[in-house]
Amino acid sequence: MKPMKDTIESRVQKAIQELRPNLQADGGDIELLGVEKGVVKVKLKGACAGCPMSSMTIQWGVERFLKKKIPEVVKVEAVQ
């Protein structure tokens, strides 16, 4: 029996687990809601949820990190 190939969603989930300690250190957190056609939907929690810098965290932190690790990622969107 051949091992199943990792899906993009499972690879994104693993990458987000690597990012979580950084966000948790600032009192925040991130939750993966899903991946559709290369668009990753996440929800920021805790201190990150109301932070005025959260859009920069998503764009320059999360999106950049995920695109570097997973070429199929096109964009990261924060969902309220």
C-alpha atoms as a PDB file:
ATOM      1  CA  MET A   1       0.000   0.000   0.000  1.00  0.00           C
ATOM      2  CA  LYS A   2       1.460   3.348  -1.075  1.00  0.00           C
ATOM      3  CA  PRO A   3       1.476   6.247   1.400  1.00  0.00           C
ATOM      4  CA  MET A   4      -1.023   8.972   0.529  1.00  0.00           C
ATOM      5  CA  LYS A   5       0.440  12.177  -0.834  1.00  0.00           C
ATOM      6  CA  ASP A   6       0.025  15.172   1.449  1.00  0.00           C
ATOM      7  CA  THR A   7      -2.765  17.462   0.352  1.00  0.00           C
ATOM      8  CA  ILE A   8      -2.156  21.190   0.080  1.00  0.00           C
ATOM      9  CA  GLU A   9      -4.441  21.656   3.095  1.00  0.00           C
ATOM     10  CA  SER A  10      -2.433  19.251   5.269  1.00  0.00           C
ATOM     11  CA  ARG A  11       0.823  20.947   4.235  1.00  0.00           C
ATOM     12  CA  VAL A  12      -0.654  24.374   5.042  1.00  0.00           C
ATOM     13  CA  GLN A  13      -1.811  23.063   8.435  1.00  0.00           C
ATOM     14  CA  LYS A  14       1.719  21.833   9.210  1.00  0.00           C
ATOM     15  CA  ALA A  15       3.224  25.182   8.178  1.00  0.00           C
ATOM     16  CA  ILE A  16       0.717  27.075  10.326  1.00  0.00           C
ATOM     17  CA  GLN A  17       1.736  24.931  13.295  1.00  0.00           C
ATOM     18  CA  GLU A  18       5.281  26.252  12.776  1.00  0.00           C
ATOM     19  CA  LEU A  19       3.988  29.856  12.816  1.00  0.00           C
ATOM     20  CA  ARG A  20       1.677  29.535  15.820  1.00  0.00           C
ATOM     21  CA  PRO A  21       4.327  29.938  18.564  1.00  0.00           C
ATOM     22  CA  ASN A  22       5.276  33.346  17.119  1.00  0.00           C
ATOM     23  CA  LEU A  23       1.690  34.574  17.250  1.00  0.00           C
ATOM     24  CA  GLN A  24       1.048  32.978  20.640  1.00  0.00           C
ATOM     25  CA  ALA A  25       4.089  34.781  22.054  1.00  0.00           C
ATOM     26  CA  ASP A  26       2.226  38.047  21.374  1.00  0.00           C
ATOM     27  CA  GLY A  27      -1.045  36.780  22.854  1.00  0.00           C
ATOM     28  CA  GLY A  28      -2.618  35.790  19.548  1.00  0.00           C
ATOM     29  CA  ASP A  29      -3.302  32.666  17.570  1.00  0.00           C
ATOM     30  CA  ILE A  30      -4.308  31.519  14.090  1.00  0.00           C
ATOM     31  CA  GLU A  31      -6.789  28.918  12.879  1.00  0.00           C
ATOM     32  CA  LEU A  32      -6.904  27.386   9.393  1.00  0.00           C
ATOM     33  CA  LEU A  33     -10.450  27.498   8.026  1.00  0.00           C
ATOM     34  CA  GLY A  34      -9.715  25.985   4.636  1.00  0.00           C
ATOM     35  CA  VAL A  35      -7.898  26.118   1.322  1.00  0.00           C
ATOM     36  CA  GLU A  36      -9.667  26.633  -1.991  1.00  0.00           C
ATOM     37  CA  LYS A  37      -7.911  27.055  -5.349  1.00  0.00           C
ATOM     38  CA  GLY A  38      -4.686  28.139  -3.658  1.00  0.00           C
ATOM     39  CA  VAL A  39      -6.407  30.679  -1.391  1.00  0.00           C
ATOM     40  CA  VAL A  40      -5.800  29.970   2.286  1.00  0.00           C
ATOM     41  CA  LYS A  41      -8.517  31.202   4.653  1.00  0.00           C
ATOM     42  CA  VAL A  42      -7.480  31.776   8.251  1.00  0.00           C
ATOM     43  CA  LYS A  43      -8.978  33.292  11.359  1.00  0.00           C
ATOM     44  CA  LEU A  44      -6.856  35.352  13.724  1.00  0.00           C
ATOM     45  CA  LYS A  45      -7.666  34.906  17.392  1.00  0.00           C
ATOM     46  CA  GLY A  46      -6.782  36.438  20.728  1.00  0.00           C
ATOM     47  CA  ALA A  47      -4.749  39.640  20.624  1.00  0.00           C
ATOM     48  CA  CYS A  48      -4.291  39.276  16.855  1.00  0.00           C
ATOM     49  CA  ALA A  49      -8.040  39.456  16.181  1.00  0.00           C
ATOM     50  CA  GLY A  50      -8.364  43.136  17.068  1.00  0.00           C
ATOM     51  CA  CYS A  51      -4.856  44.295  16.309  1.00  0.00           C
ATOM     52  CA  PRO A  52      -4.527  47.132  13.793  1.00  0.00           C
ATOM     53  CA  MET A  53      -1.394  45.423  12.440  1.00  0.00           C
ATOM     54  CA  SER A  54      -3.183  42.127  11.732  1.00  0.00           C
ATOM     55  CA  SER A  55      -3.445  42.772   7.978  1.00  0.00           C
ATOM     56  CA  MET A  56       0.324  43.223   7.840  1.00  0.00           C
ATOM     57  CA  THR A  57       0.784  40.065   9.916  1.00  0.00           C
ATOM     58  CA  ILE A  58      -1.290  38.168   7.358  1.00  0.00           C
ATOM     59  CA  GLN A  59       0.358  39.668   4.268  1.00  0.00           C
ATOM     60  CA  TRP A  60       3.992  39.993   5.315  1.00  0.00           C
ATOM     61  CA  GLY A  61       4.145  37.185   7.838  1.00  0.00           C
ATOM     62  CA  VAL A  62       1.708  34.353   7.189  1.00  0.00           C
ATOM     63  CA  GLU A  63       1.276  34.720   3.413  1.00  0.00           C
ATOM     64  CA  ARG A  64       4.985  35.152   2.751  1.00  0.00           C
ATOM     65  CA  PHE A  65       5.873  32.153   4.929  1.00  0.00           C
ATOM     66  CA  LEU A  66       3.232  29.895   3.357  1.00  0.00           C
ATOM     67  CA  LYS A  67       4.094  30.884  -0.234  1.00  0.00           C
ATOM     68  CA  LYS A  68       7.759  30.131   0.426  1.00  0.00           C
ATOM     69  CA  LYS A  69       6.989  26.681   1.864  1.00  0.00           C
ATOM     70  CA  ILE A  70       4.067  25.768  -0.406  1.00  0.00           C
ATOM     71  CA  PRO A  71       4.271  27.119  -3.969  1.00  0.00           C
ATOM     72  CA  GLU A  72       0.587  26.289  -4.643  1.00  0.00           C
ATOM     73  CA  VAL A  73      -0.489  28.980  -2.174  1.00  0.00           C
ATOM     74  CA  VAL A  74      -1.662  32.022  -4.111  1.00  0.00           C
ATOM     75  CA  LYS A  75      -3.049  34.214  -1.343  1.00  0.00           C
ATOM     76  CA  VAL A  76      -3.947  34.245   2.366  1.00  0.00           C
ATOM     77  CA  GLU A  77      -7.212  35.821   3.493  1.00  0.00           C
ATOM     78  CA  ALA A  78      -8.269  36.585   7.041  1.00  0.00           C
ATOM     79  CA  VAL A  79     -11.897  35.739   7.769  1.00  0.00           C
ATOM     80  CA  GLN A  80     -13.693  37.389  10.686  1.00  0.00           C
END
